[in-house]
Amino acid sequence: MRDTRIGSRFLQPGIGYGGSCFPNDLKAFRTVAKEFGFELGLLDEIIRINEEQIERFARKVRNALWNLKGKRIAALGLAFKTGTDDIRESPAIALIQRLLKEGSDIRAYDPAAREGAAKVLPTVRFFGDAYAVARGADASSYSPTGQNWPTWIQSGCAASHGRGWFLLPQHRQGIRRSAGRCPAH
């Protein structure tokens, strides 16, 4: 029998891993290993890299927009896991909090995670649809755990409603400008 928990649908690259279980399991595994005298350098690096991902991506956003103060950024997808309202240890939430510290004006869309996210992001304005959140944005960022963002972005919808920067954590370059137009709206 094939284990359906392993496979490409769970390997969607983004700006880091999150959730309540996996990050805690890794830290617990590291602690237990050290208690028994084992140094797990690879595990230490995985944890370190994940913790640094938010700052790395924020730096890419800053470099693309030059200055984050007052920049309107549309955030699509807030939960750490596709199709849920679970925002525990969500990299998207951590990134938004980081961008808010630099004075960004964040607008967000995630129908499933909206209620929980609003509690931890009280200064963020939430929208009822992806087109509205992207309208007039200096940049649009999406979490790969979101609904149909790849299709929406590839069709040019984010660019046609905003000012053209896509902040794509799943691409190696991280950020690209698009002049696409949205056929559906």
C-alpha atoms as a PDB file:
ATOM      1  CA  MET A   1       0.000   0.000   0.000  1.00  0.00           C
ATOM      2  CA  ARG A   2       1.277   3.459  -0.910  1.00  0.00           C
ATOM      3  CA  ASP A   3       1.592   6.123   1.795  1.00  0.00           C
ATOM      4  CA  THR A   4      -0.390   9.086   0.448  1.00  0.00           C
ATOM      5  CA  ARG A   5       1.243  11.434   2.960  1.00  0.00           C
ATOM      6  CA  ILE A   6       4.452  11.278   0.941  1.00  0.00           C
ATOM      7  CA  GLY A   7       4.587  12.800  -2.508  1.00  0.00           C
ATOM      8  CA  SER A   8       4.575  15.916  -4.635  1.00  0.00           C
ATOM      9  CA  ARG A   9       1.414  17.400  -3.162  1.00  0.00           C
ATOM     10  CA  PHE A  10       3.243  17.754   0.151  1.00  0.00           C
ATOM     11  CA  LEU A  11       6.430  19.087  -1.383  1.00  0.00           C
ATOM     12  CA  GLN A  12       5.290  22.563  -2.373  1.00  0.00           C
ATOM     13  CA  PRO A  13       8.283  24.825  -1.850  1.00  0.00           C
ATOM     14  CA  GLY A  14       7.670  28.086  -0.105  1.00  0.00           C
ATOM     15  CA  ILE A  15       9.344  30.406   2.372  1.00  0.00           C
ATOM     16  CA  GLY A  16       9.522  27.772   5.076  1.00  0.00           C
ATOM     17  CA  TYR A  17       7.662  25.051   6.890  1.00  0.00           C
ATOM     18  CA  GLY A  18       5.133  25.703   9.609  1.00  0.00           C
ATOM     19  CA  GLY A  19       2.363  24.155  11.629  1.00  0.00           C
ATOM     20  CA  SER A  20       2.144  23.015  15.192  1.00  0.00           C
ATOM     21  CA  CYS A  21       3.678  19.576  14.787  1.00  0.00           C
ATOM     22  CA  PHE A  22       6.617  19.509  12.377  1.00  0.00           C
ATOM     23  CA  PRO A  23       8.629  22.445  13.809  1.00  0.00           C
ATOM     24  CA  ASN A  24       8.144  21.147  17.349  1.00  0.00           C
ATOM     25  CA  ASP A  25       8.973  17.574  16.340  1.00  0.00           C
ATOM     26  CA  LEU A  26      12.258  18.697  14.770  1.00  0.00           C
ATOM     27  CA  LYS A  27      13.249  20.680  17.862  1.00  0.00           C
ATOM     28  CA  ALA A  28      12.291  17.804  20.166  1.00  0.00           C
ATOM     29  CA  PHE A  29      14.245  15.333  18.033  1.00  0.00           C
ATOM     30  CA  ARG A  30      17.287  17.613  18.211  1.00  0.00           C
ATOM     31  CA  THR A  31      16.968  17.942  22.001  1.00  0.00           C
ATOM     32  CA  VAL A  32      16.657  14.179  22.524  1.00  0.00           C
ATOM     33  CA  ALA A  33      19.614  13.517  20.227  1.00  0.00           C
ATOM     34  CA  LYS A  34      21.778  15.971  22.212  1.00  0.00           C
ATOM     35  CA  GLU A  35      20.703  14.348  25.492  1.00  0.00           C
ATOM     36  CA  PHE A  36      22.089  11.069  24.152  1.00  0.00           C
ATOM     37  CA  GLY A  37      25.301  12.693  22.957  1.00  0.00           C
ATOM     38  CA  PHE A  38      24.520  12.968  19.250  1.00  0.00           C
ATOM     39  CA  GLU A  39      25.107  16.116  17.210  1.00  0.00           C
ATOM     40  CA  LEU A  40      22.792  16.283  14.214  1.00  0.00           C
ATOM     41  CA  GLY A  41      24.335  19.023  12.106  1.00  0.00           C
ATOM     42  CA  LEU A  42      21.945  18.549   9.201  1.00  0.00           C
ATOM     43  CA  LEU A  43      18.939  18.867  11.490  1.00  0.00           C
ATOM     44  CA  ASP A  44      20.433  21.990  13.070  1.00  0.00           C
ATOM     45  CA  GLU A  45      20.893  23.491   9.593  1.00  0.00           C
ATOM     46  CA  ILE A  46      17.327  22.670   8.551  1.00  0.00           C
ATOM     47  CA  ILE A  47      15.974  24.492  11.595  1.00  0.00           C
ATOM     48  CA  ARG A  48      18.367  27.430  11.135  1.00  0.00           C
ATOM     49  CA  ILE A  49      17.560  27.842   7.440  1.00  0.00           C
ATOM     50  CA  ASN A  50      13.822  27.732   8.098  1.00  0.00           C
ATOM     51  CA  GLU A  51      14.172  30.411  10.765  1.00  0.00           C
ATOM     52  CA  GLU A  52      16.156  32.638   8.375  1.00  0.00           C
ATOM     53  CA  GLN A  53      13.795  32.253   5.416  1.00  0.00           C
ATOM     54  CA  ILE A  54      11.428  35.027   6.511  1.00  0.00           C
ATOM     55  CA  GLU A  55      14.220  37.600   6.746  1.00  0.00           C
ATOM     56  CA  ARG A  56      15.705  36.459   3.432  1.00  0.00           C
ATOM     57  CA  PHE A  57      12.407  36.841   1.655  1.00  0.00           C
ATOM     58  CA  ALA A  58      11.686  40.187   3.346  1.00  0.00           C
ATOM     59  CA  ARG A  59      15.072  41.373   2.072  1.00  0.00           C
ATOM     60  CA  LYS A  60      14.100  40.347  -1.477  1.00  0.00           C
ATOM     61  CA  VAL A  61      10.845  42.271  -1.163  1.00  0.00           C
ATOM     62  CA  ARG A  62      12.736  45.317   0.117  1.00  0.00           C
ATOM     63  CA  ASN A  63      15.227  45.099  -2.744  1.00  0.00           C
ATOM     64  CA  ALA A  64      12.437  44.892  -5.327  1.00  0.00           C
ATOM     65  CA  LEU A  65      10.412  47.768  -3.877  1.00  0.00           C
ATOM     66  CA  TRP A  66      13.392  49.766  -2.582  1.00  0.00           C
ATOM     67  CA  ASN A  67      11.561  50.906   0.539  1.00  0.00           C
ATOM     68  CA  LEU A  68       8.745  49.097   2.329  1.00  0.00           C
ATOM     69  CA  LYS A  69       7.317  52.048   4.240  1.00  0.00           C
ATOM     70  CA  GLY A  70       3.833  52.723   2.921  1.00  0.00           C
ATOM     71  CA  LYS A  71       4.067  50.084   0.179  1.00  0.00           C
ATOM     72  CA  ARG A  72       0.827  48.225  -0.357  1.00  0.00           C
ATOM     73  CA  ILE A  73       1.400  44.486  -0.462  1.00  0.00           C
ATOM     74  CA  ALA A  74      -1.313  41.968  -1.264  1.00  0.00           C
ATOM     75  CA  ALA A  75      -0.913  38.680   0.608  1.00  0.00           C
ATOM     76  CA  LEU A  76      -2.804  35.715  -0.785  1.00  0.00           C
ATOM     77  CA  GLY A  77      -2.842  32.632   1.406  1.00  0.00           C
ATOM     78  CA  LEU A  78      -2.190  32.787   5.138  1.00  0.00           C
ATOM     79  CA  ALA A  79      -2.521  29.252   6.496  1.00  0.00           C
ATOM     80  CA  PHE A  80       0.469  26.954   6.653  1.00  0.00           C
ATOM     81  CA  LYS A  81      -1.505  24.089   5.121  1.00  0.00           C
ATOM     82  CA  THR A  82      -3.666  24.062   1.992  1.00  0.00           C
ATOM     83  CA  GLY A  83      -7.396  24.299   2.469  1.00  0.00           C
ATOM     84  CA  THR A  84      -7.322  24.863   6.221  1.00  0.00           C
ATOM     85  CA  ASP A  85      -7.678  27.732   8.646  1.00  0.00           C
ATOM     86  CA  ASP A  86      -4.561  26.617  10.523  1.00  0.00           C
ATOM     87  CA  ILE A  87      -2.161  29.550  10.890  1.00  0.00           C
ATOM     88  CA  ARG A  88       0.011  28.054  13.650  1.00  0.00           C
ATOM     89  CA  GLU A  89       3.661  28.839  12.858  1.00  0.00           C
ATOM     90  CA  SER A  90       2.573  29.984   9.379  1.00  0.00           C
ATOM     91  CA  PRO A  91       5.487  31.396   7.361  1.00  0.00           C
ATOM     92  CA  ALA A  92       3.019  33.738   5.605  1.00  0.00           C
ATOM     93  CA  ILE A  93       1.926  35.220   8.942  1.00  0.00           C
ATOM     94  CA  ALA A  94       5.558  35.603  10.045  1.00  0.00           C
ATOM     95  CA  LEU A  95       6.413  37.356   6.761  1.00  0.00           C
ATOM     96  CA  ILE A  96       3.453  39.718   7.084  1.00  0.00           C
ATOM     97  CA  GLN A  97       4.464  40.587  10.647  1.00  0.00           C
ATOM     98  CA  ARG A  98       7.987  41.286   9.402  1.00  0.00           C
ATOM     99  CA  LEU A  99       6.746  43.532   6.572  1.00  0.00           C
ATOM    100  CA  LEU A 100       4.420  45.379   8.953  1.00  0.00           C
ATOM    101  CA  LYS A 101       7.416  46.225  11.158  1.00  0.00           C
ATOM    102  CA  GLU A 102       8.915  48.076   8.182  1.00  0.00           C
ATOM    103  CA  GLY A 103       5.742  50.059   7.612  1.00  0.00           C
ATOM    104  CA  SER A 104       4.128  48.109   4.775  1.00  0.00           C
ATOM    105  CA  ASP A 105       0.385  48.381   4.207  1.00  0.00           C
ATOM    106  CA  ILE A 106      -0.699  44.744   4.064  1.00  0.00           C
ATOM    107  CA  ARG A 107      -3.936  43.589   2.500  1.00  0.00           C
ATOM    108  CA  ALA A 108      -4.804  39.921   2.775  1.00  0.00           C
ATOM    109  CA  TYR A 109      -7.028  37.266   1.274  1.00  0.00           C
ATOM    110  CA  ASP A 110      -7.531  33.738   2.519  1.00  0.00           C
ATOM    111  CA  PRO A 111     -11.168  32.755   2.980  1.00  0.00           C
ATOM    112  CA  ALA A 112     -10.384  29.760   5.190  1.00  0.00           C
ATOM    113  CA  ALA A 113      -7.827  31.433   7.480  1.00  0.00           C
ATOM    114  CA  ARG A 114      -9.288  34.934   7.625  1.00  0.00           C
ATOM    115  CA  GLU A 115     -10.872  34.727  11.069  1.00  0.00           C
ATOM    116  CA  GLY A 116      -7.816  33.356  12.858  1.00  0.00           C
ATOM    117  CA  ALA A 117      -5.401  35.578  10.954  1.00  0.00           C
ATOM    118  CA  ALA A 118      -7.391  38.703  11.830  1.00  0.00           C
ATOM    119  CA  LYS A 119      -6.803  37.962  15.512  1.00  0.00           C
ATOM    120  CA  VAL A 120      -3.006  37.928  15.146  1.00  0.00           C
ATOM    121  CA  LEU A 121      -2.844  40.604  12.428  1.00  0.00           C
ATOM    122  CA  PRO A 122      -5.175  43.337  13.699  1.00  0.00           C
ATOM    123  CA  THR A 123      -3.715  46.068  11.452  1.00  0.00           C
ATOM    124  CA  VAL A 124      -4.105  44.063   8.239  1.00  0.00           C
ATOM    125  CA  ARG A 125      -7.078  44.757   6.002  1.00  0.00           C
ATOM    126  CA  PHE A 126      -8.822  41.589   4.816  1.00  0.00           C
ATOM    127  CA  PHE A 127     -10.684  41.296   1.518  1.00  0.00           C
ATOM    128  CA  GLY A 128     -13.386  39.006   0.195  1.00  0.00           C
ATOM    129  CA  ASP A 129     -11.724  38.155  -3.110  1.00  0.00           C
ATOM    130  CA  ALA A 130      -8.266  37.892  -4.608  1.00  0.00           C
ATOM    131  CA  TYR A 131      -8.894  40.525  -7.272  1.00  0.00           C
ATOM    132  CA  ALA A 132      -9.859  43.147  -4.701  1.00  0.00           C
ATOM    133  CA  VAL A 133      -6.826  42.474  -2.525  1.00  0.00           C
ATOM    134  CA  ALA A 134      -4.445  42.813  -5.486  1.00  0.00           C
ATOM    135  CA  ARG A 135      -6.045  45.986  -6.865  1.00  0.00           C
ATOM    136  CA  GLY A 136      -3.558  48.858  -6.526  1.00  0.00           C
ATOM    137  CA  ALA A 137      -0.934  46.765  -4.745  1.00  0.00           C
ATOM    138  CA  ASP A 138       2.746  47.563  -5.219  1.00  0.00           C
ATOM    139  CA  ALA A 139       3.393  43.824  -4.942  1.00  0.00           C
ATOM    140  CA  SER A 140       1.421  40.603  -4.629  1.00  0.00           C
ATOM    141  CA  SER A 141       2.756  37.750  -2.529  1.00  0.00           C
ATOM    142  CA  TYR A 142       1.182  34.358  -2.331  1.00  0.00           C
ATOM    143  CA  SER A 143       1.708  31.343  -0.179  1.00  0.00           C
ATOM    144  CA  PRO A 144       1.990  28.129  -2.189  1.00  0.00           C
ATOM    145  CA  THR A 145      -0.443  26.582   0.279  1.00  0.00           C
ATOM    146  CA  GLY A 146      -3.141  28.828  -1.133  1.00  0.00           C
ATOM    147  CA  GLN A 147      -5.937  27.722  -3.368  1.00  0.00           C
ATOM    148  CA  ASN A 148      -5.351  28.294  -7.079  1.00  0.00           C
ATOM    149  CA  TRP A 149      -2.710  31.000  -6.891  1.00  0.00           C
ATOM    150  CA  PRO A 150      -0.359  29.485  -9.491  1.00  0.00           C
ATOM    151  CA  THR A 151      -3.110  29.554 -12.119  1.00  0.00           C
ATOM    152  CA  TRP A 152      -4.222  33.024 -11.043  1.00  0.00           C
ATOM    153  CA  ILE A 153      -0.698  34.387 -11.184  1.00  0.00           C
ATOM    154  CA  GLN A 154       0.330  32.682 -14.428  1.00  0.00           C
ATOM    155  CA  SER A 155      -2.757  34.121 -16.110  1.00  0.00           C
ATOM    156  CA  GLY A 156      -1.584  37.624 -15.191  1.00  0.00           C
ATOM    157  CA  CYS A 157      -4.439  38.403 -12.810  1.00  0.00           C
ATOM    158  CA  ALA A 158      -2.264  39.747  -9.996  1.00  0.00           C
ATOM    159  CA  ALA A 159      -0.309  42.014 -12.333  1.00  0.00           C
ATOM    160  CA  SER A 160      -3.370  43.412 -14.030  1.00  0.00           C
ATOM    161  CA  HIS A 161      -4.914  44.386 -10.714  1.00  0.00           C
ATOM    162  CA  GLY A 162      -1.752  45.630  -9.054  1.00  0.00           C
ATOM    163  CA  ARG A 163       1.444  47.352 -10.089  1.00  0.00           C
ATOM    164  CA  GLY A 164       3.172  44.252 -11.356  1.00  0.00           C
ATOM    165  CA  TRP A 165       5.524  42.715  -8.787  1.00  0.00           C
ATOM    166  CA  PHE A 166       4.919  39.078  -7.956  1.00  0.00           C
ATOM    167  CA  LEU A 167       6.637  37.827  -4.836  1.00  0.00           C
ATOM    168  CA  LEU A 168       6.831  34.137  -5.532  1.00  0.00           C
ATOM    169  CA  PRO A 169       8.522  32.121  -2.827  1.00  0.00           C
ATOM    170  CA  GLN A 170       8.449  28.946  -4.882  1.00  0.00           C
ATOM    171  CA  HIS A 171      10.632  30.374  -7.646  1.00  0.00           C
ATOM    172  CA  ARG A 172      14.395  30.442  -7.226  1.00  0.00           C
ATOM    173  CA  GLN A 173      14.669  34.139  -8.013  1.00  0.00           C
ATOM    174  CA  GLY A 174      11.852  34.845  -5.563  1.00  0.00           C
ATOM    175  CA  ILE A 175      10.566  37.966  -7.262  1.00  0.00           C
ATOM    176  CA  ARG A 176       9.666  38.846 -10.808  1.00  0.00           C
ATOM    177  CA  ARG A 177       7.832  41.585 -12.624  1.00  0.00           C
ATOM    178  CA  SER A 178       4.985  40.670 -14.931  1.00  0.00           C
ATOM    179  CA  ALA A 179       3.006  42.644 -17.444  1.00  0.00           C
ATOM    180  CA  GLY A 180       0.356  39.947 -17.841  1.00  0.00           C
ATOM    181  CA  ARG A 181      -3.340  40.661 -18.058  1.00  0.00           C
ATOM    182  CA  CYS A 182      -6.118  38.740 -16.369  1.00  0.00           C
ATOM    183  CA  PRO A 183      -8.522  37.235 -18.874  1.00  0.00           C
ATOM    184  CA  ALA A 184     -11.165  36.385 -16.282  1.00  0.00           C
ATOM    185  CA  HIS A 185     -11.796  39.762 -14.658  1.00  0.00           C
END
